[in-house]
Protein backbone atom coordinates (compact mmCIF):
# COMPACT_ATOMS: atom_id res chain seq x y z
CA MET A 1 -30.56 65.16 -75.06
CA SER A 2 -27.65 62.81 -75.78
CA HIS A 3 -25.29 65.35 -74.17
CA HIS A 4 -27.17 65.08 -70.87
CA ILE A 5 -27.27 61.28 -71.09
CA ASP A 6 -23.49 61.20 -71.60
CA GLU A 7 -22.99 63.47 -68.58
CA LEU A 8 -25.22 61.20 -66.49
CA PHE A 9 -23.30 58.11 -67.62
CA ALA A 10 -20.02 59.69 -66.53
CA ALA A 11 -21.48 60.91 -63.23
CA LEU A 12 -22.92 57.51 -62.31
CA GLN A 13 -19.46 55.95 -62.59
CA ARG A 14 -18.32 58.09 -59.67
CA LEU A 15 -21.03 56.55 -57.48
CA ILE A 16 -20.86 52.83 -58.21
CA PRO A 17 -18.44 50.50 -56.33
CA GLN A 18 -16.07 50.13 -59.29
CA HIS A 19 -13.60 47.65 -57.81
CA ALA A 20 -16.19 45.43 -56.11
CA LEU A 21 -18.27 45.26 -59.27
CA SER A 22 -15.24 44.50 -61.43
CA ARG A 23 -14.08 41.76 -59.01
CA LEU A 24 -17.54 40.18 -59.07
CA LEU A 25 -17.69 40.20 -62.84
CA GLY A 26 -14.13 38.85 -62.92
CA LYS A 27 -15.16 35.84 -60.86
CA ILE A 28 -18.11 35.20 -63.17
CA ALA A 29 -15.84 35.53 -66.21
CA ASP A 30 -13.40 32.99 -64.71
CA CYS A 31 -16.18 30.49 -63.98
CA GLU A 32 -15.76 27.23 -65.88
CA ASN A 33 -19.36 26.08 -65.55
CA THR A 34 -20.11 24.87 -69.07
CA THR A 35 -23.66 26.21 -69.30
CA LEU A 36 -22.78 29.63 -67.91
CA LYS A 37 -19.57 30.25 -69.84
CA ASN A 38 -21.07 29.05 -73.14
CA ALA A 39 -24.09 31.32 -72.67
CA LEU A 40 -21.82 34.30 -71.93
CA ILE A 41 -19.57 33.60 -74.91
CA ARG A 42 -22.49 33.17 -77.32
CA ALA A 43 -24.07 36.39 -76.05
CA ALA A 44 -20.79 38.31 -76.50
CA VAL A 45 -20.22 36.97 -80.02
CA ARG A 46 -23.76 37.92 -81.01
CA HIS A 47 -23.88 41.32 -79.28
CA TYR A 48 -20.43 42.59 -80.31
CA GLY A 49 -20.22 40.84 -83.67
CA ILE A 50 -16.95 39.12 -82.75
CA ASP A 51 -15.17 37.40 -85.64
CA LEU A 52 -13.63 34.11 -84.51
CA SER A 53 -12.36 33.07 -87.93
CA GLU A 54 -8.93 34.57 -87.12
CA ALA A 55 -8.68 32.98 -83.69
CA ARG A 56 -6.30 30.12 -83.00
CA GLU A 57 -9.36 28.35 -81.56
CA PRO A 58 -12.41 29.29 -83.69
CA GLU A 59 -14.91 27.13 -81.76
CA PRO A 60 -16.42 29.18 -78.89
CA GLU A 61 -17.47 26.13 -76.88
CA ARG A 62 -13.85 24.99 -76.54
CA TYR A 63 -12.82 27.92 -74.36
CA PRO A 64 -12.76 26.86 -70.68
CA SER A 65 -14.11 30.22 -69.44
CA PHE A 66 -15.38 33.58 -70.62
CA ASN A 67 -12.02 35.17 -69.76
CA ALA A 68 -10.18 32.53 -71.76
CA PHE A 69 -12.39 33.48 -74.69
CA PHE A 70 -11.75 37.21 -74.28
CA THR A 71 -7.99 36.73 -74.06
CA ARG A 72 -7.97 34.35 -77.03
CA HIS A 73 -4.91 34.07 -79.23
CA LEU A 74 -5.04 34.75 -82.95
CA SER A 75 -3.63 32.46 -85.61
CA ASP A 76 0.02 33.17 -86.44
CA SER A 77 -0.80 34.70 -89.84
CA ALA A 78 -3.72 36.87 -88.69
CA ARG A 79 -1.71 40.05 -88.03
CA PRO A 80 1.23 40.84 -90.35
CA ILE A 81 3.79 43.00 -88.53
CA ASP A 82 5.16 46.18 -90.11
CA PRO A 83 8.70 45.23 -91.26
CA SER A 84 10.27 48.71 -91.39
CA ASN A 85 13.17 49.54 -89.07
CA ASN A 86 11.88 53.02 -88.26
CA GLY A 87 8.17 52.24 -88.04
CA LEU A 88 6.01 52.23 -84.91
CA ALA A 89 3.38 49.49 -85.13
CA SER A 90 0.02 49.50 -83.39
CA PRO A 91 0.39 47.58 -80.11
CA ALA A 92 -3.19 46.33 -80.26
CA ASP A 93 -6.37 45.99 -82.25
CA GLY A 94 -8.61 48.93 -81.49
CA THR A 95 -9.57 52.50 -82.26
CA VAL A 96 -7.16 55.43 -82.34
CA SER A 97 -8.65 57.85 -79.83
CA GLN A 98 -5.83 60.43 -79.87
CA PHE A 99 -2.30 60.82 -81.23
CA GLY A 100 0.26 63.55 -81.71
CA THR A 101 3.11 65.42 -80.03
CA ILE A 102 3.66 65.61 -76.29
CA GLU A 103 3.77 69.35 -75.60
CA ASN A 104 5.13 70.67 -72.32
CA GLY A 105 4.61 67.23 -70.79
CA GLN A 106 0.91 67.20 -71.75
CA LEU A 107 -1.00 64.59 -73.78
CA ILE A 108 -4.42 65.02 -75.36
CA GLN A 109 -7.22 62.98 -73.77
CA ALA A 110 -10.13 64.43 -75.76
CA LYS A 111 -11.06 67.77 -77.28
CA GLY A 112 -10.51 70.36 -74.56
CA PHE A 113 -8.94 67.83 -72.15
CA HIS A 114 -5.21 67.25 -71.58
CA PHE A 115 -3.46 65.15 -68.97
CA ASP A 116 -0.01 65.21 -67.44
CA LEU A 117 2.69 62.76 -68.54
CA THR A 118 4.34 62.60 -65.11
CA ARG A 119 1.03 61.75 -63.44
CA LEU A 120 0.35 59.07 -66.03
CA LEU A 121 3.74 57.37 -65.61
CA GLY A 122 4.05 57.78 -61.84
CA PRO A 123 7.28 57.74 -59.78
CA LEU A 124 9.45 55.64 -62.06
CA GLU A 125 13.19 55.44 -61.45
CA SER A 126 13.83 56.19 -65.11
CA ASP A 127 14.04 59.82 -66.15
CA ILE A 128 10.68 60.41 -67.79
CA SER A 129 11.62 63.94 -68.84
CA CYS A 130 13.09 62.44 -72.01
CA LEU A 131 9.52 61.83 -73.23
CA GLU A 132 8.26 65.36 -72.64
CA ALA A 133 8.93 66.49 -76.21
CA GLY A 134 8.18 63.16 -77.88
CA SER A 135 5.03 61.70 -79.38
CA PHE A 136 2.13 59.53 -78.25
CA ALA A 137 -0.73 57.39 -79.51
CA THR A 138 -3.74 56.15 -77.55
CA ILE A 139 -5.55 52.98 -78.68
CA TYR A 140 -8.95 52.04 -77.24
CA LEU A 141 -9.80 48.33 -77.14
CA SER A 142 -13.53 47.68 -77.23
CA PRO A 143 -15.05 44.40 -75.98
CA ARG A 144 -15.16 43.11 -79.56
CA ASP A 145 -11.42 43.55 -80.14
CA TYR A 146 -8.51 41.16 -79.77
CA HIS A 147 -7.30 41.76 -76.20
CA ARG A 148 -3.59 41.05 -76.30
CA VAL A 149 -0.95 43.78 -76.37
CA HIS A 150 2.24 43.55 -78.43
CA MET A 151 5.48 45.47 -78.82
CA PRO A 152 5.18 48.51 -81.11
CA CYS A 153 8.91 48.28 -81.95
CA ASP A 154 11.99 46.36 -80.85
CA GLY A 155 12.86 47.10 -77.24
CA THR A 156 14.40 45.94 -73.97
CA LEU A 157 12.23 45.92 -70.85
CA LEU A 158 13.86 48.01 -68.12
CA GLU A 159 11.20 48.38 -65.43
CA THR A 160 7.49 48.34 -64.71
CA LEU A 161 5.27 50.22 -62.29
CA TYR A 162 1.78 49.07 -61.37
CA ILE A 163 -0.31 52.03 -60.16
CA PRO A 164 -3.62 51.28 -58.41
CA GLY A 165 -6.45 53.68 -59.14
CA LYS A 166 -10.02 54.15 -60.23
CA LEU A 167 -11.79 51.98 -62.78
CA PHE A 168 -13.73 54.46 -64.89
CA SER A 169 -14.85 53.30 -68.30
CA VAL A 170 -12.41 54.46 -70.98
CA ASN A 171 -14.80 54.74 -73.91
CA ASP A 172 -15.28 57.90 -75.96
CA THR A 173 -18.04 59.25 -73.74
CA THR A 174 -16.06 59.02 -70.51
CA THR A 175 -12.89 60.52 -71.99
CA ARG A 176 -14.91 63.62 -72.87
CA TYR A 177 -16.37 64.11 -69.39
CA ILE A 178 -13.82 62.92 -66.80
CA PRO A 179 -10.64 65.05 -66.65
CA GLY A 180 -7.33 63.21 -66.20
CA LEU A 181 -9.04 59.88 -66.79
CA PHE A 182 -5.99 57.84 -67.80
CA SER A 183 -3.84 59.17 -64.96
CA ARG A 184 -6.60 58.34 -62.44
CA ASN A 185 -7.36 54.77 -63.53
CA GLU A 186 -5.46 51.64 -62.53
CA ARG A 187 -2.56 51.13 -64.93
CA LEU A 188 0.68 49.30 -65.62
CA VAL A 189 3.58 51.35 -66.98
CA CYS A 190 6.17 49.37 -68.96
CA TRP A 191 9.42 51.19 -69.67
CA PHE A 192 11.56 50.08 -72.62
CA ASP A 193 14.85 51.07 -74.21
CA SER A 194 14.72 50.83 -78.00
CA PRO A 195 16.91 51.70 -81.00
CA MET A 196 14.71 54.82 -81.26
CA GLY A 197 15.17 55.91 -77.66
CA LYS A 198 13.07 55.36 -74.55
CA ILE A 199 9.46 54.18 -74.92
CA ALA A 200 6.67 53.80 -72.37
CA VAL A 201 3.81 51.38 -73.04
CA VAL A 202 0.96 51.98 -70.59
CA LEU A 203 -1.84 49.44 -70.09
CA VAL A 204 -4.80 51.28 -68.57
CA GLY A 205 -7.46 49.36 -66.64
CA ALA A 206 -11.16 50.18 -66.83
CA LEU A 207 -14.60 49.38 -65.47
CA PHE A 208 -15.41 45.65 -65.77
CA VAL A 209 -11.80 44.84 -66.76
CA ALA A 210 -11.06 41.83 -64.59
CA GLY A 211 -7.33 42.36 -64.69
CA ILE A 212 -4.15 43.30 -66.50
CA GLY A 213 -1.54 40.63 -67.18
CA THR A 214 1.85 40.40 -68.87
CA VAL A 215 4.04 37.63 -70.21
CA TRP A 216 6.38 38.13 -67.23
CA GLN A 217 3.63 38.37 -64.55
CA ASP A 218 0.21 36.82 -65.05
CA SER A 219 -1.81 39.40 -63.13
CA TYR A 220 -1.57 42.68 -61.24
CA SER A 221 -4.07 43.51 -58.53
CA PRO A 222 -2.36 44.92 -55.41
CA ARG A 223 -3.78 48.00 -53.72
CA HIS A 224 -0.39 49.69 -53.59
CA LEU A 225 2.35 50.71 -56.01
CA GLN A 226 4.31 47.73 -57.30
CA HIS A 227 7.68 48.55 -58.85
CA GLN A 228 9.84 46.00 -60.62
CA ARG A 229 13.25 46.72 -62.08
CA PHE A 230 14.81 44.01 -64.23
CA GLU A 231 18.44 43.28 -63.40
CA SER A 232 18.66 41.02 -66.44
CA PRO A 233 16.57 42.95 -68.98
CA THR A 234 14.62 40.96 -71.55
CA SER A 235 14.46 42.06 -75.18
CA TYR A 236 11.30 41.86 -77.27
CA VAL A 237 10.90 42.27 -81.01
CA LYS A 238 8.25 44.30 -82.76
CA GLY A 239 4.96 42.41 -82.72
CA GLN A 240 5.91 40.11 -79.84
CA GLU A 241 3.21 39.72 -77.19
CA ILE A 242 3.82 41.52 -73.89
CA GLY A 243 0.44 41.61 -72.13
CA HIS A 244 -3.33 41.30 -72.14
CA PHE A 245 -6.58 42.69 -70.76
CA ARG A 246 -9.42 40.56 -69.44
CA PHE A 247 -12.18 42.50 -71.24
CA GLY A 248 -11.41 45.84 -72.96
CA SER A 249 -9.39 48.92 -72.17
CA THR A 250 -6.73 51.32 -73.48
CA VAL A 251 -3.04 51.25 -74.42
CA ILE A 252 -0.95 54.43 -74.55
CA VAL A 253 2.45 54.49 -76.24
CA ALA A 254 4.76 57.45 -75.49
CA THR A 255 8.06 57.83 -77.32
CA GLU A 256 11.21 59.85 -76.71
CA LYS A 257 11.77 60.65 -80.37
CA THR A 258 9.09 62.37 -82.40
CA LEU A 259 6.88 60.45 -84.79
CA ALA A 260 5.58 61.32 -88.24
CA PHE A 261 2.06 59.92 -88.30
CA ASP A 262 0.42 58.88 -91.55
CA SER A 263 -1.37 61.92 -92.98
CA ALA A 264 -4.47 59.79 -93.50
CA LEU A 265 -4.63 58.70 -89.83
CA LYS A 266 -7.57 60.22 -87.96
CA ASN A 267 -9.04 59.99 -84.48
CA GLY A 268 -11.66 57.26 -84.45
CA GLU A 269 -9.89 55.15 -87.05
CA THR A 270 -9.78 51.40 -86.52
CA VAL A 271 -6.32 49.84 -86.50
CA ARG A 272 -4.96 46.32 -86.23
CA MET A 273 -2.09 45.13 -84.12
CA GLY A 274 1.13 45.22 -86.13
CA SER A 275 -0.05 47.78 -88.68
CA LEU A 276 2.10 50.88 -89.22
CA LEU A 277 1.01 53.83 -87.06
CA ALA A 278 3.91 56.22 -87.65
CA ARG A 279 7.58 56.53 -88.45
CA PHE A 280 10.30 57.83 -86.19
CA THR A 281 11.66 61.08 -87.62
CA GLN A 282 15.14 60.69 -86.07
CA GLN A 283 17.53 57.77 -86.28
């Protein structure tokens, strides 16, 4: 029975006006009406069991809007960052949905489903073929998670590519029923050079996500490709904030050099931003 319900859930997403609905909910989430935003925040805290004790602002009523609450900052000591030189840290709080080796330019989406690296990254100027024998990790951010994205290792930002697309949900159910999900959804590809080779950090949009933002551009919402190449590249250190989601979504990290993942790491495991995900096997 649950199998049929999951199929129906995935099928219904093809029919609803994804962008219009997400824009509407985005406007509601940005509303600063005290009664409305406090009611929404209280409902979210109660429904998702959100822990505000680690937040820089632990009082829910002090957030000016629902989106401000969902993109809340954590206190400086809340997330220790892996100190190793060859370690790849989790870029976000969330659940590890898939990880492993990129084989023949293919990444695992779910059991029985793969998707193409070149379709995920789009027409970047950088040579993405260097990642085709590397490694990847996919982190799903649920509505209860901290929604800011951080650097998984030291790196220099070279270019970004915003790719408009669908807004399917990216939860476990949808990844099992919609082929090529991550390469069909709206996404922002961030391309870095690091001491361990080239790295792509991909922020994938989703249903009800009111937007993707970065520290160098507050929001991305055009209906066409938006490419930006940085003539004066900016360097970021491991654990430094680079972006955020206005609800919940997915981050994919793809690396040029292969990674040795912790033998205890499993799909479905909860991770925290800054914690060690894997170690680079080549210096």
